[in-house]
Structure formats: structure tokens, C-alpha cells
């Protein structure tokens, strides 16, 4: 599988910064990451950044589709599932079970 590096833009840097903050055992949807990175309507752009990332310091497997679907992972849904399960997340079929329990809720600044 050939990885394509994402364009180094301010938005992509913000996306990668947000994704690095998602702790083990938690997930966030592409749209949630886009909102936290400052572009609420850019969920698809987040998906493209995640697809081409391939960086070991960015836990791309923790970014999922809205509603708990696994979404893509550079073409290997099985690997994404295995990484999430290893972190204690229950996956049933292609969906996260008990999404409310594992959805990342970053602290809001006062």
C-alpha cells in the first residue's frame, strides 16, 4: 500500500495536532476533528488527510465515520479494527459498539 503524504497546509497541521490528542481507547468522528481543527464542514478533507498520513505519531485509527462506522484506514479496515480492539474498543461488524462511552470529548477551554 503506497502512502501519499498530505499537503502541508495549516489545516492539515491542525488536523494532525487534534488527532494526536485523541487518547487510547477513545475515538472521534471525521467531522468532529474538522470542527476542532477550525473547519466544521471539512470532514471529507480530514478523511483525505488521514488516508495519506501514515505517520506513526498520529493515531489515525482513532478517527471514525459519523455514527460509529469504522470508515477507511488506507484500505485496511481489518488493521483499523485490530488497533481499536487492542485499545479496548468493542467493534461489531464495521461499527463501534457503545459509541457514547468511547467518544472523545476534549476539554473545553474556559
PDB file of N, CA and C in Angstrom:
ATOM      1  N   UNK A   1       0.841  -1.169   0.000  1.00  0.00           N
ATOM      2  CA  UNK A   1       0.000   0.000   0.000  1.00  0.00           C
ATOM      3  C   UNK A   1       0.889   1.236   0.000  1.00  0.00           C
ATOM      4  N   UNK A   2       0.749   2.067  -0.982  1.00  0.00           N
ATOM      5  CA  UNK A   2       1.555   3.271  -1.119  1.00  0.00           C
ATOM      6  C   UNK A   2       0.911   4.420  -0.357  1.00  0.00           C
ATOM      7  N   UNK A   3       1.648   5.045   0.525  1.00  0.00           N
ATOM      8  CA  UNK A   3       1.146   6.185   1.286  1.00  0.00           C
ATOM      9  C   UNK A   3       1.491   7.472   0.545  1.00  0.00           C
ATOM     10  N   UNK A   4       0.534   8.364   0.479  1.00  0.00           N
ATOM     11  CA  UNK A   4       0.744   9.669  -0.129  1.00  0.00           C
ATOM     12  C   UNK A   4       0.738  10.689   0.995  1.00  0.00           C
ATOM     13  N   UNK A   5       1.790  11.463   1.107  1.00  0.00           N
ATOM     14  CA  UNK A   5       1.864  12.451   2.182  1.00  0.00           C
ATOM     15  C   UNK A   5       0.819  13.534   1.965  1.00  0.00           C
ATOM     16  N   UNK A   6       0.127  13.918   3.070  1.00  0.00           N
ATOM     17  CA  UNK A   6      -0.842  15.001   2.911  1.00  0.00           C
ATOM     18  C   UNK A   6      -0.133  16.308   2.619  1.00  0.00           C
ATOM     19  N   UNK A   7      -0.831  17.208   1.943  1.00  0.00           N
ATOM     20  CA  UNK A   7      -0.254  18.523   1.691  1.00  0.00           C
ATOM     21  C   UNK A   7      -0.001  19.194   3.028  1.00  0.00           C
ATOM     22  N   UNK A   8       1.123  19.839   3.140  1.00  0.00           N
ATOM     23  CA  UNK A   8       1.484  20.504   4.388  1.00  0.00           C
ATOM     24  C   UNK A   8       0.842  21.883   4.409  1.00  0.00           C
ATOM     25  N   UNK A   9      -0.400  21.908   4.867  1.00  0.00           N
ATOM     26  CA  UNK A   9      -1.126  23.162   4.977  1.00  0.00           C
ATOM     27  C   UNK A   9      -1.390  23.441   6.449  1.00  0.00           C
ATOM     28  N   UNK A  10      -1.782  24.647   6.746  1.00  0.00           N
ATOM     29  CA  UNK A  10      -2.128  24.995   8.126  1.00  0.00           C
ATOM     30  C   UNK A  10      -3.257  24.099   8.631  1.00  0.00           C
ATOM     31  N   UNK A  11      -4.253  23.853   7.779  1.00  0.00           N
ATOM     32  CA  UNK A  11      -5.363  22.992   8.188  1.00  0.00           C
ATOM     33  C   UNK A  11      -4.884  21.572   8.470  1.00  0.00           C
ATOM     34  N   UNK A  12      -4.045  21.010   7.601  1.00  0.00           N
ATOM     35  CA  UNK A  12      -3.569  19.642   7.835  1.00  0.00           C
ATOM     36  C   UNK A  12      -2.737  19.569   9.115  1.00  0.00           C
ATOM     37  N   UNK A  13      -1.963  20.596   9.408  1.00  0.00           N
ATOM     38  CA  UNK A  13      -1.195  20.614  10.670  1.00  0.00           C
ATOM     39  C   UNK A  13      -2.136  20.648  11.870  1.00  0.00           C
ATOM     40  N   UNK A  14      -3.214  21.426  11.769  1.00  0.00           N
ATOM     41  CA  UNK A  14      -4.185  21.477  12.874  1.00  0.00           C
ATOM     42  C   UNK A  14      -4.891  20.134  13.041  1.00  0.00           C
ATOM     43  N   UNK A  15      -5.256  19.495  11.925  1.00  0.00           N
ATOM     44  CA  UNK A  15      -5.904  18.181  11.978  1.00  0.00           C
ATOM     45  C   UNK A  15      -4.994  17.174  12.669  1.00  0.00           C
ATOM     46  N   UNK A  16      -3.738  17.112  12.257  1.00  0.00           N
ATOM     47  CA  UNK A  16      -2.806  16.159  12.863  1.00  0.00           C
ATOM     48  C   UNK A  16      -2.618  16.451  14.342  1.00  0.00           C
ATOM     49  N   UNK A  17      -2.604  17.708  14.719  1.00  0.00           N
ATOM     50  CA  UNK A  17      -2.482  18.088  16.125  1.00  0.00           C
ATOM     51  C   UNK A  17      -3.694  17.605  16.923  1.00  0.00           C
ATOM     52  N   UNK A  18      -4.885  17.774  16.375  1.00  0.00           N
ATOM     53  CA  UNK A  18      -6.102  17.309  17.050  1.00  0.00           C
ATOM     54  C   UNK A  18      -6.068  15.793  17.209  1.00  0.00           C
ATOM     55  N   UNK A  19      -5.736  15.081  16.154  1.00  0.00           N
ATOM     56  CA  UNK A  19      -5.749  13.616  16.192  1.00  0.00           C
ATOM     57  C   UNK A  19      -4.718  13.086  17.186  1.00  0.00           C
ATOM     58  N   UNK A  20      -3.586  13.736  17.301  1.00  0.00           N
ATOM     59  CA  UNK A  20      -2.580  13.306  18.286  1.00  0.00           C
ATOM     60  C   UNK A  20      -3.115  13.381  19.716  1.00  0.00           C
ATOM     61  N   UNK A  21      -4.092  14.249  19.954  1.00  0.00           N
ATOM     62  CA  UNK A  21      -4.645  14.420  21.301  1.00  0.00           C
ATOM     63  C   UNK A  21      -5.686  13.367  21.668  1.00  0.00           C
ATOM     64  N   UNK A  22      -6.179  12.595  20.700  1.00  0.00           N
ATOM     65  CA  UNK A  22      -7.180  11.570  20.995  1.00  0.00           C
ATOM     66  C   UNK A  22      -6.482  10.457  21.790  1.00  0.00           C
ATOM     67  N   UNK A  23      -6.925  10.221  23.029  1.00  0.00           N
ATOM     68  CA  UNK A  23      -6.240   9.230  23.857  1.00  0.00           C
ATOM     69  C   UNK A  23      -6.567   7.788  23.461  1.00  0.00           C
ATOM     70  N   UNK A  24      -5.721   6.847  23.842  1.00  0.00           N
ATOM     71  CA  UNK A  24      -6.015   5.437  23.595  1.00  0.00           C
ATOM     72  C   UNK A  24      -7.372   5.064  24.194  1.00  0.00           C
ATOM     73  N   UNK A  25      -8.118   4.234  23.467  1.00  0.00           N
ATOM     74  CA  UNK A  25      -9.420   3.799  23.948  1.00  0.00           C
ATOM     75  C   UNK A  25     -10.541   4.781  23.661  1.00  0.00           C
ATOM     76  N   UNK A  26     -10.251   5.829  22.924  1.00  0.00           N
ATOM     77  CA  UNK A  26     -11.253   6.834  22.558  1.00  0.00           C
ATOM     78  C   UNK A  26     -11.226   7.041  21.049  1.00  0.00           C
ATOM     79  N   UNK A  27     -12.331   7.530  20.498  1.00  0.00           N
ATOM     80  CA  UNK A  27     -12.429   7.804  19.063  1.00  0.00           C
ATOM     81  C   UNK A  27     -13.098   9.151  18.847  1.00  0.00           C
ATOM     82  N   UNK A  28     -12.904   9.717  17.667  1.00  0.00           N
ATOM     83  CA  UNK A  28     -13.571  10.947  17.248  1.00  0.00           C
ATOM     84  C   UNK A  28     -13.941  10.802  15.778  1.00  0.00           C
ATOM     85  N   UNK A  29     -15.063  11.380  15.400  1.00  0.00           N
ATOM     86  CA  UNK A  29     -15.518  11.313  14.012  1.00  0.00           C
ATOM     87  C   UNK A  29     -14.764  12.328  13.158  1.00  0.00           C
ATOM     88  N   UNK A  30     -14.689  12.049  11.873  1.00  0.00           N
ATOM     89  CA  UNK A  30     -14.019  12.951  10.938  1.00  0.00           C
ATOM     90  C   UNK A  30     -14.557  14.371  11.081  1.00  0.00           C
ATOM     91  N   UNK A  31     -15.868  14.521  11.179  1.00  0.00           N
ATOM     92  CA  UNK A  31     -16.477  15.839  11.312  1.00  0.00           C
ATOM     93  C   UNK A  31     -16.114  16.527  12.618  1.00  0.00           C
ATOM     94  N   UNK A  32     -16.009  15.752  13.685  1.00  0.00           N
ATOM     95  CA  UNK A  32     -15.606  16.322  14.974  1.00  0.00           C
ATOM     96  C   UNK A  32     -14.173  16.837  14.911  1.00  0.00           C
ATOM     97  N   UNK A  33     -13.307  16.078  14.262  1.00  0.00           N
ATOM     98  CA  UNK A  33     -11.922  16.517  14.093  1.00  0.00           C
ATOM     99  C   UNK A  33     -11.869  17.785  13.254  1.00  0.00           C
ATOM    100  N   UNK A  34     -12.670  17.827  12.187  1.00  0.00           N
ATOM    101  CA  UNK A  34     -12.708  19.019  11.328  1.00  0.00           C
ATOM    102  C   UNK A  34     -13.138  20.246  12.127  1.00  0.00           C
ATOM    103  N   UNK A  35     -14.150  20.089  12.956  1.00  0.00           N
ATOM    104  CA  UNK A  35     -14.626  21.202  13.781  1.00  0.00           C
ATOM    105  C   UNK A  35     -13.542  21.665  14.741  1.00  0.00           C
ATOM    106  N   UNK A  36     -12.894  20.729  15.413  1.00  0.00           N
ATOM    107  CA  UNK A  36     -11.830  21.079  16.358  1.00  0.00           C
ATOM    108  C   UNK A  36     -10.638  21.729  15.656  1.00  0.00           C
ATOM    109  N   UNK A  37     -10.443  21.396  14.380  1.00  0.00           N
ATOM    110  CA  UNK A  37      -9.346  21.981  13.605  1.00  0.00           C
ATOM    111  C   UNK A  37      -9.745  23.306  12.959  1.00  0.00           C
ATOM    112  N   UNK A  38     -10.992  23.743  13.189  1.00  0.00           N
ATOM    113  CA  UNK A  38     -11.409  25.053  12.721  1.00  0.00           C
ATOM    114  C   UNK A  38     -12.180  25.110  11.420  1.00  0.00           C
ATOM    115  N   UNK A  39     -12.517  23.946  10.856  1.00  0.00           N
ATOM    116  CA  UNK A  39     -13.284  23.924   9.597  1.00  0.00           C
ATOM    117  C   UNK A  39     -14.410  22.900   9.713  1.00  0.00           C
ATOM    118  N   UNK A  40     -15.522  23.286  10.345  1.00  0.00           N
ATOM    119  CA  UNK A  40     -16.594  22.346  10.663  1.00  0.00           C
ATOM    120  C   UNK A  40     -17.175  21.567   9.484  1.00  0.00           C
ATOM    121  N   UNK A  41     -17.073  22.074   8.289  1.00  0.00           N
ATOM    122  CA  UNK A  41     -17.663  21.389   7.134  1.00  0.00           C
ATOM    123  C   UNK A  41     -16.628  20.606   6.325  1.00  0.00           C
ATOM    124  N   UNK A  42     -15.485  20.329   6.914  1.00  0.00           N
ATOM    125  CA  UNK A  42     -14.384  19.709   6.164  1.00  0.00           C
ATOM    126  C   UNK A  42     -14.110  18.257   6.566  1.00  0.00           C
ATOM    127  N   UNK A  43     -15.165  17.510   6.883  1.00  0.00           N
ATOM    128  CA  UNK A  43     -14.976  16.105   7.286  1.00  0.00           C
ATOM    129  C   UNK A  43     -14.270  15.294   6.194  1.00  0.00           C
ATOM    130  N   UNK A  44     -14.646  15.512   4.951  1.00  0.00           N
ATOM    131  CA  UNK A  44     -14.027  14.756   3.846  1.00  0.00           C
ATOM    132  C   UNK A  44     -12.545  15.095   3.727  1.00  0.00           C
ATOM    133  N   UNK A  45     -12.200  16.356   3.936  1.00  0.00           N
ATOM    134  CA  UNK A  45     -10.787  16.756   3.898  1.00  0.00           C
ATOM    135  C   UNK A  45     -10.009  16.059   5.006  1.00  0.00           C
ATOM    136  N   UNK A  46     -10.623  15.923   6.179  1.00  0.00           N
ATOM    137  CA  UNK A  46      -9.966  15.193   7.277  1.00  0.00           C
ATOM    138  C   UNK A  46      -9.728  13.751   6.854  1.00  0.00           C
ATOM    139  N   UNK A  47     -10.723  13.134   6.223  1.00  0.00           N
ATOM    140  CA  UNK A  47     -10.557  11.763   5.737  1.00  0.00           C
ATOM    141  C   UNK A  47      -9.400  11.645   4.760  1.00  0.00           C
ATOM    142  N   UNK A  48      -9.257  12.606   3.876  1.00  0.00           N
ATOM    143  CA  UNK A  48      -8.150  12.583   2.913  1.00  0.00           C
ATOM    144  C   UNK A  48      -6.809  12.746   3.613  1.00  0.00           C
ATOM    145  N   UNK A  49      -6.763  13.586   4.628  1.00  0.00           N
ATOM    146  CA  UNK A  49      -5.518  13.766   5.395  1.00  0.00           C
ATOM    147  C   UNK A  49      -5.175  12.475   6.125  1.00  0.00           C
ATOM    148  N   UNK A  50      -6.180  11.841   6.720  1.00  0.00           N
ATOM    149  CA  UNK A  50      -5.943  10.587   7.442  1.00  0.00           C
ATOM    150  C   UNK A  50      -5.483   9.491   6.484  1.00  0.00           C
ATOM    151  N   UNK A  51      -6.095   9.418   5.317  1.00  0.00           N
ATOM    152  CA  UNK A  51      -5.749   8.370   4.340  1.00  0.00           C
ATOM    153  C   UNK A  51      -4.293   8.464   3.910  1.00  0.00           C
ATOM    154  N   UNK A  52      -3.785   9.679   3.766  1.00  0.00           N
ATOM    155  CA  UNK A  52      -2.425   9.851   3.278  1.00  0.00           C
ATOM    156  C   UNK A  52      -1.396  10.064   4.361  1.00  0.00           C
ATOM    157  N   UNK A  53      -1.796   9.991   5.611  1.00  0.00           N
ATOM    158  CA  UNK A  53      -0.891  10.355   6.701  1.00  0.00           C
ATOM    159  C   UNK A  53       0.258   9.350   6.877  1.00  0.00           C
ATOM    160  N   UNK A  54      -0.025   8.161   7.343  1.00  0.00           N
ATOM    161  CA  UNK A  54       0.996   7.137   7.510  1.00  0.00           C
ATOM    162  C   UNK A  54       2.081   7.454   8.522  1.00  0.00           C
ATOM    163  N   UNK A  55       1.860   8.409   9.412  1.00  0.00           N
ATOM    164  CA  UNK A  55       2.856   8.795  10.410  1.00  0.00           C
ATOM    165  C   UNK A  55       2.622   8.019  11.700  1.00  0.00           C
ATOM    166  N   UNK A  56       3.659   7.414  12.261  1.00  0.00           N
ATOM    167  CA  UNK A  56       3.473   6.623  13.480  1.00  0.00           C
ATOM    168  C   UNK A  56       3.093   7.455  14.703  1.00  0.00           C
ATOM    169  N   UNK A  57       3.324   8.761  14.679  1.00  0.00           N
ATOM    170  CA  UNK A  57       2.990   9.603  15.827  1.00  0.00           C
ATOM    171  C   UNK A  57       1.559  10.141  15.764  1.00  0.00           C
ATOM    172  N   UNK A  58       0.797   9.751  14.749  1.00  0.00           N
ATOM    173  CA  UNK A  58      -0.582  10.207  14.595  1.00  0.00           C
ATOM    174  C   UNK A  58      -1.500   8.981  14.603  1.00  0.00           C
ATOM    175  N   UNK A  59      -2.343   8.823  15.634  1.00  0.00           N
ATOM    176  CA  UNK A  59      -3.208   7.636  15.734  1.00  0.00           C
ATOM    177  C   UNK A  59      -4.441   7.740  14.835  1.00  0.00           C
ATOM    178  N   UNK A  60      -4.218   7.677  13.537  1.00  0.00           N
ATOM    179  CA  UNK A  60      -5.295   7.841  12.556  1.00  0.00           C
ATOM    180  C   UNK A  60      -6.419   6.822  12.751  1.00  0.00           C
ATOM    181  N   UNK A  61      -6.099   5.663  13.312  1.00  0.00           N
ATOM    182  CA  UNK A  61      -7.117   4.623  13.501  1.00  0.00           C
ATOM    183  C   UNK A  61      -8.205   5.058  14.479  1.00  0.00           C
ATOM    184  N   UNK A  62      -7.968   6.104  15.257  1.00  0.00           N
ATOM    185  CA  UNK A  62      -8.961   6.584  16.225  1.00  0.00           C
ATOM    186  C   UNK A  62      -9.970   7.553  15.617  1.00  0.00           C
ATOM    187  N   UNK A  63      -9.839   7.829  14.339  1.00  0.00           N
ATOM    188  CA  UNK A  63     -10.786   8.713  13.646  1.00  0.00           C
ATOM    189  C   UNK A  63     -11.743   7.824  12.858  1.00  0.00           C
ATOM    190  N   UNK A  64     -13.044   8.006  13.144  1.00  0.00           N
ATOM    191  CA  UNK A  64     -14.064   7.117  12.579  1.00  0.00           C
ATOM    192  C   UNK A  64     -15.124   7.917  11.836  1.00  0.00           C
ATOM    193  N   UNK A  65     -16.000   7.206  11.165  1.00  0.00           N
ATOM    194  CA  UNK A  65     -17.114   7.850  10.464  1.00  0.00           C
ATOM    195  C   UNK A  65     -18.195   8.249  11.469  1.00  0.00           C
ATOM    196  N   UNK A  66     -19.026   9.184  11.060  1.00  0.00           N
ATOM    197  CA  UNK A  66     -20.131   9.621  11.912  1.00  0.00           C
ATOM    198  C   UNK A  66     -21.028   8.428  12.237  1.00  0.00           C
ATOM    199  N   UNK A  67     -21.544   8.399  13.426  1.00  0.00           N
ATOM    200  CA  UNK A  67     -22.445   7.327  13.821  1.00  0.00           C
ATOM    201  C   UNK A  67     -21.745   6.051  14.227  1.00  0.00           C
ATOM    202  N   UNK A  68     -20.423   6.041  14.260  1.00  0.00           N
ATOM    203  CA  UNK A  68     -19.698   4.875  14.749  1.00  0.00           C
ATOM    204  C   UNK A  68     -19.176   3.920  13.704  1.00  0.00           C
ATOM    205  N   UNK A  69     -19.373   4.211  12.419  1.00  0.00           N
ATOM    206  CA  UNK A  69     -18.794   3.353  11.386  1.00  0.00           C
ATOM    207  C   UNK A  69     -17.274   3.481  11.388  1.00  0.00           C
ATOM    208  N   UNK A  70     -16.584   2.418  11.047  1.00  0.00           N
ATOM    209  CA  UNK A  70     -15.121   2.451  11.089  1.00  0.00           C
ATOM    210  C   UNK A  70     -14.521   3.408  10.074  1.00  0.00           C
ATOM    211  N   UNK A  71     -15.157   3.569   8.936  1.00  0.00           N
ATOM    212  CA  UNK A  71     -14.548   4.399   7.900  1.00  0.00           C
ATOM    213  C   UNK A  71     -13.346   3.678   7.317  1.00  0.00           C
ATOM    214  N   UNK A  72     -12.604   4.364   6.516  1.00  0.00           N
ATOM    215  CA  UNK A  72     -11.437   3.740   5.881  1.00  0.00           C
ATOM    216  C   UNK A  72     -10.209   3.815   6.757  1.00  0.00           C
ATOM    217  N   UNK A  73      -9.179   3.148   6.336  1.00  0.00           N
ATOM    218  CA  UNK A  73      -7.889   3.200   7.025  1.00  0.00           C
ATOM    219  C   UNK A  73      -6.825   2.815   6.029  1.00  0.00           C
ATOM    220  N   UNK A  74      -6.687   3.618   5.012  1.00  0.00           N
ATOM    221  CA  UNK A  74      -5.704   3.330   3.975  1.00  0.00           C
ATOM    222  C   UNK A  74      -5.959   1.999   3.290  1.00  0.00           C
ATOM    223  N   UNK A  75      -7.220   1.550   3.277  1.00  0.00           N
ATOM    224  CA  UNK A  75      -7.560   0.308   2.602  1.00  0.00           C
ATOM    225  C   UNK A  75      -7.558  -0.915   3.486  1.00  0.00           C
ATOM    226  N   UNK A  76      -7.218  -0.798   4.772  1.00  0.00           N
ATOM    227  CA  UNK A  76      -7.169  -1.968   5.637  1.00  0.00           C
ATOM    228  C   UNK A  76      -8.072  -1.797   6.858  1.00  0.00           C
ATOM    229  N   UNK A  77      -9.363  -2.043   6.640  1.00  0.00           N
ATOM    230  CA  UNK A  77     -10.314  -1.965   7.742  1.00  0.00           C
ATOM    231  C   UNK A  77      -9.977  -2.991   8.829  1.00  0.00           C
ATOM    232  N   UNK A  78      -9.452  -4.145   8.438  1.00  0.00           N
ATOM    233  CA  UNK A  78      -9.089  -5.174   9.428  1.00  0.00           C
ATOM    234  C   UNK A  78      -8.008  -4.667  10.376  1.00  0.00           C
ATOM    235  N   UNK A  79      -7.020  -3.947   9.844  1.00  0.00           N
ATOM    236  CA  UNK A  79      -5.964  -3.399  10.693  1.00  0.00           C
ATOM    237  C   UNK A  79      -6.541  -2.343  11.631  1.00  0.00           C
ATOM    238  N   UNK A  80      -7.394  -1.478  11.110  1.00  0.00           N
ATOM    239  CA  UNK A  80      -8.018  -0.443  11.944  1.00  0.00           C
ATOM    240  C   UNK A  80      -8.806  -1.099  13.074  1.00  0.00           C
ATOM    241  N   UNK A  81      -9.597  -2.100  12.736  1.00  0.00           N
ATOM    242  CA  UNK A  81     -10.373  -2.831  13.738  1.00  0.00           C
ATOM    243  C   UNK A  81      -9.459  -3.438  14.804  1.00  0.00           C
ATOM    244  N   UNK A  82      -8.370  -4.072  14.377  1.00  0.00           N
ATOM    245  CA  UNK A  82      -7.448  -4.712  15.315  1.00  0.00           C
ATOM    246  C   UNK A  82      -6.808  -3.685  16.257  1.00  0.00           C
ATOM    247  N   UNK A  83      -6.433  -2.534  15.732  1.00  0.00           N
ATOM    248  CA  UNK A  83      -5.828  -1.495  16.570  1.00  0.00           C
ATOM    249  C   UNK A  83      -6.827  -0.964  17.591  1.00  0.00           C
ATOM    250  N   UNK A  84      -8.073  -0.767  17.176  1.00  0.00           N
ATOM    251  CA  UNK A  84      -9.094  -0.285  18.098  1.00  0.00           C
ATOM    252  C   UNK A  84      -9.410  -1.331  19.173  1.00  0.00           C
ATOM    253  N   UNK A  85      -9.545  -2.593  18.772  1.00  0.00           N
ATOM    254  CA  UNK A  85      -9.820  -3.665  19.725  1.00  0.00           C
ATOM    255  C   UNK A  85      -8.677  -3.787  20.730  1.00  0.00           C
ATOM    256  N   UNK A  86      -7.452  -3.629  20.269  1.00  0.00           N
ATOM    257  CA  UNK A  86      -6.287  -3.702  21.170  1.00  0.00           C
ATOM    258  C   UNK A  86      -6.322  -2.595  22.231  1.00  0.00           C
ATOM    259  N   UNK A  87      -7.041  -1.512  21.933  1.00  0.00           N
ATOM    260  CA  UNK A  87      -7.179  -0.414  22.885  1.00  0.00           C
ATOM    261  C   UNK A  87      -8.423  -0.561  23.759  1.00  0.00           C
ATOM    262  N   UNK A  88      -9.132  -1.690  23.612  1.00  0.00           N
ATOM    263  CA  UNK A  88     -10.297  -1.948  24.448  1.00  0.00           C
ATOM    264  C   UNK A  88     -11.618  -1.487  23.871  1.00  0.00           C
ATOM    265  N   UNK A  89     -11.631  -1.062  22.622  1.00  0.00           N
ATOM    266  CA  UNK A  89     -12.862  -0.617  21.981  1.00  0.00           C
ATOM    267  C   UNK A  89     -13.549  -1.827  21.358  1.00  0.00           C
ATOM    268  N   UNK A  90     -14.839  -1.967  21.623  1.00  0.00           N
ATOM    269  CA  UNK A  90     -15.599  -3.090  21.087  1.00  0.00           C
ATOM    270  C   UNK A  90     -16.125  -2.719  19.704  1.00  0.00           C
ATOM    271  N   UNK A  91     -15.794  -3.574  18.740  1.00  0.00           N
ATOM    272  CA  UNK A  91     -16.224  -3.363  17.355  1.00  0.00           C
ATOM    273  C   UNK A  91     -17.104  -4.533  16.959  1.00  0.00           C
ATOM    274  N   UNK A  92     -18.282  -4.218  16.441  1.00  0.00           N
ATOM    275  CA  UNK A  92     -19.220  -5.239  15.992  1.00  0.00           C
ATOM    276  C   UNK A  92     -19.498  -4.999  14.517  1.00  0.00           C
ATOM    277  N   UNK A  93     -19.112  -5.937  13.682  1.00  0.00           N
ATOM    278  CA  UNK A  93     -19.221  -5.722  12.237  1.00  0.00           C
ATOM    279  C   UNK A  93     -18.258  -4.608  11.852  1.00  0.00           C
ATOM    280  N   UNK A  94     -18.807  -3.549  11.286  1.00  0.00           N
ATOM    281  CA  UNK A  94     -17.979  -2.397  10.902  1.00  0.00           C
ATOM    282  C   UNK A  94     -18.345  -1.163  11.717  1.00  0.00           C
ATOM    283  N   UNK A  95     -18.825  -1.385  12.940  1.00  0.00           N
ATOM    284  CA  UNK A  95     -19.265  -0.270  13.781  1.00  0.00           C
ATOM    285  C   UNK A  95     -18.701  -0.388  15.194  1.00  0.00           C
ATOM    286  N   UNK A  96     -18.497   0.764  15.799  1.00  0.00           N
ATOM    287  CA  UNK A  96     -18.080   0.836  17.192  1.00  0.00           C
ATOM    288  C   UNK A  96     -19.313   0.606  18.058  1.00  0.00           C
ATOM    289  N   UNK A  97     -19.214  -0.304  19.005  1.00  0.00           N
ATOM    290  CA  UNK A  97     -20.314  -0.505  19.954  1.00  0.00           C
ATOM    291  C   UNK A  97     -20.142   0.431  21.132  1.00  0.00           C
ATOM    292  N   UNK A  98     -21.239   0.849  21.693  1.00  0.00           N
ATOM    293  CA  UNK A  98     -21.245   1.744  22.849  1.00  0.00           C
ATOM    294  C   UNK A  98     -20.444   3.012  22.556  1.00  0.00           C
ATOM    295  N   UNK A  99     -20.778   3.640  21.439  1.00  0.00           N
ATOM    296  CA  UNK A  99     -20.049   4.815  20.963  1.00  0.00           C
ATOM    297  C   UNK A  99     -20.015   5.931  22.002  1.00  0.00           C
ATOM    298  N   UNK A 100     -21.102   6.121  22.718  1.00  0.00           N
ATOM    299  CA  UNK A 100     -21.133   7.181  23.718  1.00  0.00           C
ATOM    300  C   UNK A 100     -20.068   7.029  24.793  1.00  0.00           C
ATOM    301  N   UNK A 101     -19.724   5.800  25.095  1.00  0.00           N
ATOM    302  CA  UNK A 101     -18.711   5.528  26.125  1.00  0.00           C
ATOM    303  C   UNK A 101     -17.297   5.818  25.632  1.00  0.00           C
ATOM    304  N   UNK A 102     -17.033   5.620  24.358  1.00  0.00           N
ATOM    305  CA  UNK A 102     -15.663   5.747  23.848  1.00  0.00           C
ATOM    306  C   UNK A 102     -15.426   7.003  23.016  1.00  0.00           C
ATOM    307  N   UNK A 103     -16.483   7.790  22.806  1.00  0.00           N
ATOM    308  CA  UNK A 103     -16.314   9.026  22.030  1.00  0.00           C
ATOM    309  C   UNK A 103     -15.492  10.017  22.845  1.00  0.00           C
ATOM    310  N   UNK A 104     -14.481  10.569  22.209  1.00  0.00           N
ATOM    311  CA  UNK A 104     -13.587  11.535  22.856  1.00  0.00           C
ATOM    312  C   UNK A 104     -14.287  12.869  23.000  1.00  0.00           C
ATOM    313  N   UNK A 105     -14.275  13.401  24.190  1.00  0.00           N
ATOM    314  CA  UNK A 105     -14.835  14.715  24.468  1.00  0.00           C
ATOM    315  C   UNK A 105     -13.704  15.583  24.997  1.00  0.00           C
ATOM    316  N   UNK A 106     -13.046  16.331  24.122  1.00  0.00           N
ATOM    317  CA  UNK A 106     -11.913  17.149  24.597  1.00  0.00           C
ATOM    318  C   UNK A 106     -12.398  18.217  25.576  1.00  0.00           C
ATOM    319  N   UNK A 107     -11.528  18.546  26.487  1.00  0.00           N
ATOM    320  CA  UNK A 107     -11.853  19.599  27.444  1.00  0.00           C
ATOM    321  C   UNK A 107     -11.986  20.925  26.722  1.00  0.00           C
ATOM    322  N   UNK A 108     -13.013  21.630  27.076  1.00  0.00           N
ATOM    323  CA  UNK A 108     -13.209  22.969  26.510  1.00  0.00           C
ATOM    324  C   UNK A 108     -12.434  23.971  27.339  1.00  0.00           C
ATOM    325  N   UNK A 109     -11.838  24.919  26.678  1.00  0.00           N
ATOM    326  CA  UNK A 109     -11.128  25.975  27.402  1.00  0.00           C
ATOM    327  C   UNK A 109     -12.160  26.892  28.047  1.00  0.00           C
ATOM    328  N   UNK A 110     -11.943  27.319  29.311  1.00  0.00           N
ATOM    329  CA  UNK A 110     -12.929  28.163  29.994  1.00  0.00           C
ATOM    330  C   UNK A 110     -13.068  29.534  29.380  1.00  0.00           C
TER     331      UNK A 110
END
